[in-house]
């Protein structure tokens, strides 16, 4: 049995389970995506993006991706692969990626531990909230991944990587949905596109609104955002990168008294302030696109202006 998990928090808690353990480290909920690229191009484009947006050294990112891809490719095909992924967008995008990779590499004995709640734990943010014993108890509750579920994940991954946002809408309507949380994830995907009125997506709008209401320290703001958007699985680094995009140019929507968290500075409790331009965008008097522009990816859609 081989366990694949998202993140070291869960990995460290189940490290002594029977079988081998792989901790997958990537962030498919944002950054460049495209099925027309070779694997090398795919990794290179994402490495360049994350170096720019999160200060992750591109060489480090490339080495990690190449190493885990080799590890996946070299696994014995006779072993059962258990995928540990919760309900949020962060995990569900990774689940799609891995199911396509596993199927294309000839793996067929696939099962998953995938939950969105646990008795006595409310609200349930994810598997990382469970103790080691609680997590280990879920192994016997794992479910076999059916051929229909694999197909849904693969077609979903293709739609998610498409340059045309309408392909997600088509997938939502035409695909048979049997994976427990993927359909809702793909519906939530639409929240990350800019509003025609303000040019802000839902996370950006909520962040500006909360800052304007006085929640201006990064840690408290991140806590409030994740409480309200429990299905996103936003990391603090992803959220910091989103805010940094609003602080670009000569008329930033936000200003900060220090740098926000990134790979090099994992801890920061910067104080944020909304500017006059930010208030104008928040109130719909101006559009973000005309003030700070945009250079971001939502799935395979490159938003650039």
Protein backbone atom coordinates (compact mmCIF):
# COMPACT_ATOMS: atom_id res chain seq x y z
CA UNK A 1 0.00 0.00 0.00
CA UNK A 2 1.27 3.47 -0.94
CA UNK A 3 -0.22 6.61 0.62
CA UNK A 4 -0.11 9.93 -1.22
CA UNK A 5 -0.97 13.00 0.86
CA UNK A 6 -1.06 16.74 0.36
CA UNK A 7 1.33 18.44 2.75
CA UNK A 8 3.70 17.56 5.55
CA UNK A 9 1.20 18.16 8.36
CA UNK A 10 -0.86 15.11 7.41
CA UNK A 11 2.20 13.21 6.20
CA UNK A 12 3.94 13.50 9.55
CA UNK A 13 0.86 12.21 11.38
CA UNK A 14 0.53 9.02 9.34
CA UNK A 15 4.21 8.36 8.72
CA UNK A 16 4.11 5.06 10.64
CA UNK A 17 1.11 3.61 8.78
CA UNK A 18 1.68 0.33 6.99
CA UNK A 19 3.07 0.98 3.53
CA UNK A 20 5.05 3.76 1.88
CA UNK A 21 4.25 7.46 2.08
CA UNK A 22 4.58 10.19 -0.55
CA UNK A 23 3.97 13.84 0.37
CA UNK A 24 2.99 15.72 -2.79
CA UNK A 25 4.11 19.34 -2.83
CA UNK A 26 2.50 21.56 -5.47
CA UNK A 27 -0.19 24.24 -5.74
CA UNK A 28 -2.50 23.54 -8.68
CA UNK A 29 -5.13 25.94 -7.34
CA UNK A 30 -3.16 28.78 -8.95
CA UNK A 31 -0.29 29.47 -11.32
CA UNK A 32 0.12 28.70 -15.04
CA UNK A 33 -1.60 25.59 -16.40
CA UNK A 34 -1.83 24.28 -19.93
CA UNK A 35 -2.15 20.86 -21.56
CA UNK A 36 -0.35 21.90 -24.76
CA UNK A 37 2.97 22.22 -22.92
CA UNK A 38 5.46 19.42 -22.48
CA UNK A 39 6.13 18.32 -18.89
CA UNK A 40 9.36 20.31 -18.96
CA UNK A 41 7.57 23.46 -20.17
CA UNK A 42 4.80 22.92 -17.62
CA UNK A 43 7.25 22.79 -14.73
CA UNK A 44 9.41 25.63 -16.06
CA UNK A 45 6.47 28.03 -16.54
CA UNK A 46 5.16 27.29 -13.07
CA UNK A 47 8.63 27.64 -11.54
CA UNK A 48 9.04 31.08 -13.10
CA UNK A 49 5.60 32.17 -11.87
CA UNK A 50 6.17 31.03 -8.29
CA UNK A 51 9.63 32.57 -8.19
CA UNK A 52 8.09 35.91 -9.19
CA UNK A 53 5.00 35.72 -6.99
CA UNK A 54 6.19 33.74 -3.94
CA UNK A 55 10.01 34.05 -4.07
CA UNK A 56 10.35 30.25 -4.42
CA UNK A 57 13.72 29.70 -6.18
CA UNK A 58 12.89 28.27 -9.60
CA UNK A 59 15.71 25.73 -9.32
CA UNK A 60 14.26 24.44 -6.04
CA UNK A 61 10.76 24.21 -7.53
CA UNK A 62 11.96 22.39 -10.66
CA UNK A 63 14.09 19.93 -8.67
CA UNK A 64 11.15 19.11 -6.37
CA UNK A 65 8.70 18.56 -9.26
CA UNK A 66 11.12 16.39 -11.20
CA UNK A 67 11.92 14.29 -8.12
CA UNK A 68 8.30 13.62 -7.20
CA UNK A 69 7.38 12.83 -10.81
CA UNK A 70 10.19 10.26 -10.94
CA UNK A 71 9.01 8.83 -7.63
CA UNK A 72 5.48 8.44 -8.98
CA UNK A 73 6.67 6.89 -12.23
CA UNK A 74 8.82 4.31 -10.41
CA UNK A 75 6.11 3.00 -8.07
CA UNK A 76 5.15 -0.67 -8.49
CA UNK A 77 1.91 -0.97 -10.49
CA UNK A 78 0.69 -3.87 -8.36
CA UNK A 79 0.45 -1.78 -5.18
CA UNK A 80 -2.74 -0.10 -4.00
CA UNK A 81 -2.44 3.69 -4.11
CA UNK A 82 -4.39 5.49 -1.37
CA UNK A 83 -5.01 9.18 -2.05
CA UNK A 84 -5.68 11.35 1.02
CA UNK A 85 -7.51 14.48 -0.11
CA UNK A 86 -10.14 16.63 1.53
CA UNK A 87 -12.99 18.65 0.05
CA UNK A 88 -11.39 22.02 -0.68
CA UNK A 89 -10.21 23.49 -3.96
CA UNK A 90 -6.52 23.13 -3.07
CA UNK A 91 -6.87 19.38 -2.57
CA UNK A 92 -9.37 18.68 -5.33
CA UNK A 93 -7.19 20.26 -8.02
CA UNK A 94 -4.29 18.11 -6.84
CA UNK A 95 -6.53 15.03 -6.86
CA UNK A 96 -7.42 15.67 -10.52
CA UNK A 97 -3.77 16.05 -11.46
CA UNK A 98 -2.69 12.89 -9.66
CA UNK A 99 -5.52 10.72 -11.00
CA UNK A 100 -4.61 11.65 -14.56
CA UNK A 101 -0.92 11.01 -13.91
CA UNK A 102 -1.57 7.67 -12.20
CA UNK A 103 -3.85 6.44 -14.96
CA UNK A 104 -1.47 7.53 -17.73
CA UNK A 105 1.30 5.62 -15.93
CA UNK A 106 -0.72 2.41 -15.74
CA UNK A 107 -1.91 2.40 -12.13
CA UNK A 108 -5.31 0.78 -11.60
CA UNK A 109 -5.59 -0.11 -7.90
CA UNK A 110 -6.67 3.29 -6.65
CA UNK A 111 -8.58 4.24 -3.50
CA UNK A 112 -9.08 7.41 -1.49
CA UNK A 113 -9.67 8.86 1.92
CA UNK A 114 -11.71 11.99 1.20
CA UNK A 115 -13.91 13.71 3.79
CA UNK A 116 -15.46 17.11 4.47
CA UNK A 117 -16.42 16.55 8.10
CA UNK A 118 -15.42 14.64 11.22
CA UNK A 119 -17.48 14.02 14.38
CA UNK A 120 -16.79 16.61 17.06
CA UNK A 121 -14.68 18.91 14.88
CA UNK A 122 -16.53 22.04 13.73
CA UNK A 123 -15.76 23.79 11.52
CA UNK A 124 -13.82 21.13 9.62
CA UNK A 125 -11.05 22.82 7.66
CA UNK A 126 -9.29 19.64 6.63
CA UNK A 127 -7.42 16.47 7.47
CA UNK A 128 -4.64 18.42 9.17
CA UNK A 129 -6.98 19.14 12.11
CA UNK A 130 -7.19 15.45 12.99
CA UNK A 131 -4.87 13.67 15.37
CA UNK A 132 -2.59 10.88 14.25
CA UNK A 133 -4.94 8.24 15.70
CA UNK A 134 -8.00 9.84 14.09
CA UNK A 135 -6.28 9.87 10.70
CA UNK A 136 -5.11 6.27 11.00
CA UNK A 137 -8.67 5.24 11.78
CA UNK A 138 -9.76 6.50 8.35
CA UNK A 139 -7.67 3.94 6.45
CA UNK A 140 -10.25 1.20 6.88
CA UNK A 141 -12.93 3.60 5.59
CA UNK A 142 -11.13 4.28 2.31
CA UNK A 143 -13.18 3.79 -0.85
CA UNK A 144 -12.16 2.31 -4.16
CA UNK A 145 -11.98 4.90 -6.94
CA UNK A 146 -14.21 3.78 -9.79
CA UNK A 147 -13.51 4.07 -13.51
CA UNK A 148 -16.33 6.63 -13.71
CA UNK A 149 -14.68 8.74 -11.01
CA UNK A 150 -11.32 8.56 -12.75
CA UNK A 151 -12.94 9.71 -15.99
CA UNK A 152 -14.58 12.63 -14.19
CA UNK A 153 -11.24 13.69 -12.72
CA UNK A 154 -9.43 13.48 -16.06
CA UNK A 155 -12.06 15.39 -18.01
CA UNK A 156 -12.21 17.89 -15.16
CA UNK A 157 -8.44 18.37 -15.27
CA UNK A 158 -8.61 19.00 -19.02
CA UNK A 159 -11.42 21.55 -18.60
CA UNK A 160 -9.57 23.22 -15.71
CA UNK A 161 -6.44 23.55 -17.87
CA UNK A 162 -8.33 24.98 -20.84
CA UNK A 163 -7.66 28.51 -22.11
CA UNK A 164 -11.41 28.85 -22.53
CA UNK A 165 -13.29 29.38 -19.27
CA UNK A 166 -16.46 28.12 -20.97
CA UNK A 167 -15.01 24.61 -20.97
CA UNK A 168 -15.56 24.44 -17.21
CA UNK A 169 -19.21 25.38 -17.72
CA UNK A 170 -19.58 22.66 -20.36
CA UNK A 171 -17.92 20.12 -18.05
CA UNK A 172 -20.28 21.02 -15.19
CA UNK A 173 -23.31 20.40 -17.39
CA UNK A 174 -22.21 17.38 -19.45
CA UNK A 175 -20.01 15.24 -17.17
CA UNK A 176 -21.39 12.52 -14.89
CA UNK A 177 -20.44 13.56 -11.37
CA UNK A 178 -19.62 10.82 -8.89
CA UNK A 179 -16.57 12.15 -7.05
CA UNK A 180 -17.87 13.59 -3.78
CA UNK A 181 -16.50 17.16 -3.93
CA UNK A 182 -15.17 17.89 -7.40
CA UNK A 183 -18.33 19.39 -8.88
CA UNK A 184 -18.60 21.98 -6.10
CA UNK A 185 -14.90 22.77 -6.48
CA UNK A 186 -15.38 23.49 -10.17
CA UNK A 187 -18.40 25.67 -9.47
CA UNK A 188 -16.35 27.62 -6.92
CA UNK A 189 -13.61 28.05 -9.55
CA UNK A 190 -15.78 30.75 -11.11
CA UNK A 191 -15.37 32.90 -7.97
CA UNK A 192 -11.74 33.50 -8.91
CA UNK A 193 -12.54 35.36 -12.11
CA UNK A 194 -12.76 39.17 -11.96
CA UNK A 195 -16.13 40.84 -11.60
CA UNK A 196 -17.10 42.99 -14.57
CA UNK A 197 -18.10 45.78 -12.17
CA UNK A 198 -14.99 46.06 -9.99
CA UNK A 199 -12.39 43.86 -11.70
CA UNK A 200 -11.95 42.03 -8.38
CA UNK A 201 -12.56 38.36 -7.74
CA UNK A 202 -14.54 37.35 -4.65
CA UNK A 203 -11.48 36.84 -2.43
CA UNK A 204 -9.99 40.21 -3.41
CA UNK A 205 -13.29 41.99 -2.86
CA UNK A 206 -13.75 40.40 0.57
CA UNK A 207 -10.17 41.25 1.56
CA UNK A 208 -10.57 44.92 0.64
CA UNK A 209 -13.93 45.07 2.40
CA UNK A 210 -12.54 43.58 5.64
CA UNK A 211 -9.50 45.86 5.60
CA UNK A 212 -11.80 48.84 5.12
CA UNK A 213 -13.76 47.56 8.15
CA UNK A 214 -10.61 47.66 10.28
CA UNK A 215 -9.31 44.07 10.01
CA UNK A 216 -5.95 45.27 8.77
CA UNK A 217 -3.33 42.90 10.19
CA UNK A 218 -2.38 40.10 7.82
CA UNK A 219 -2.79 37.19 10.24
CA UNK A 220 -6.23 38.26 11.44
CA UNK A 221 -7.31 39.04 7.89
CA UNK A 222 -6.17 35.64 6.64
CA UNK A 223 -8.05 33.96 9.51
CA UNK A 224 -11.27 35.82 8.65
CA UNK A 225 -10.94 35.02 4.95
CA UNK A 226 -10.42 31.29 5.53
CA UNK A 227 -13.32 31.16 7.99
CA UNK A 228 -15.63 32.64 5.37
CA UNK A 229 -14.22 30.66 2.45
CA UNK A 230 -13.82 27.25 4.02
CA UNK A 231 -14.01 25.41 0.67
CA UNK A 232 -11.07 27.23 -0.93
CA UNK A 233 -8.16 25.74 1.01
CA UNK A 234 -6.24 29.01 0.64
CA UNK A 235 -2.71 28.95 2.01
CA UNK A 236 -1.27 32.06 3.61
CA UNK A 237 1.29 32.33 0.80
CA UNK A 238 -1.40 32.12 -1.89
CA UNK A 239 -3.43 34.77 -0.10
CA UNK A 240 -0.36 37.00 0.30
CA UNK A 241 0.36 36.68 -3.42
CA UNK A 242 -3.24 37.74 -4.18
CA UNK A 243 -2.85 40.85 -2.01
CA UNK A 244 0.53 41.69 -3.54
CA UNK A 245 -1.16 41.94 -6.93
CA UNK A 246 -3.32 44.74 -5.54
CA UNK A 247 -0.24 46.68 -4.41
CA UNK A 248 1.30 47.10 -7.85
CA UNK A 249 1.90 50.27 -9.84
CA UNK A 250 1.58 53.96 -9.14
CA UNK A 251 -1.97 53.72 -7.80
CA UNK A 252 -2.02 50.61 -5.60
CA UNK A 253 -5.29 49.52 -4.04
CA UNK A 254 -3.46 48.54 -0.85
CA UNK A 255 -0.29 49.52 0.94
CA UNK A 256 1.56 47.59 3.62
CA UNK A 257 4.06 48.58 6.30
CA UNK A 258 6.20 45.50 5.58
CA UNK A 259 6.45 42.60 3.17
CA UNK A 260 3.75 39.95 3.25
CA UNK A 261 4.71 36.28 3.79
CA UNK A 262 6.56 34.47 1.03
CA UNK A 263 8.90 31.49 0.72
CA UNK A 264 11.83 33.52 2.08
CA UNK A 265 9.79 35.28 4.79
CA UNK A 266 7.33 32.67 6.09
CA UNK A 267 6.16 34.81 9.01
CA UNK A 268 4.75 38.31 8.72
CA UNK A 269 1.97 40.21 10.41
CA UNK A 270 2.09 43.22 8.15
CA UNK A 271 -0.43 46.00 8.63
CA UNK A 272 -2.46 46.76 5.52
CA UNK A 273 -4.24 49.94 4.53
CA UNK A 274 -6.73 50.47 1.74
CA UNK A 275 -5.94 53.48 -0.46
CA UNK A 276 -8.26 56.00 -2.07
CA UNK A 277 -7.94 54.05 -5.32
CA UNK A 278 -8.77 50.86 -3.44
CA UNK A 279 -11.91 52.43 -1.97
CA UNK A 280 -12.96 53.61 -5.42
CA UNK A 281 -12.60 50.07 -6.80
CA UNK A 282 -14.36 48.52 -3.79
CA UNK A 283 -17.32 50.90 -4.26
CA UNK A 284 -17.46 50.20 -8.00
CA UNK A 285 -16.47 53.75 -8.98
CA UNK A 286 -13.36 52.49 -10.78
CA UNK A 287 -12.28 49.14 -12.18
CA UNK A 288 -9.23 47.31 -10.92
CA UNK A 289 -8.15 46.58 -14.51
CA UNK A 290 -7.77 50.30 -15.22
CA UNK A 291 -5.91 50.99 -11.98
CA UNK A 292 -3.41 48.16 -11.33
CA UNK A 293 -4.10 45.81 -14.25
CA UNK A 294 -3.77 42.07 -13.85
CA UNK A 295 -1.28 39.29 -14.58
CA UNK A 296 -2.71 36.12 -13.05
CA UNK A 297 -3.89 32.62 -13.89
CA UNK A 298 -7.23 31.00 -13.09
CA UNK A 299 -6.82 27.40 -14.15
CA UNK A 300 -5.59 27.53 -17.73
CA UNK A 301 -6.94 31.04 -18.32
CA UNK A 302 -4.23 33.71 -18.33
CA UNK A 303 -5.71 37.04 -17.20
CA UNK A 304 -3.39 39.73 -18.50
CA UNK A 305 -3.95 43.44 -18.91
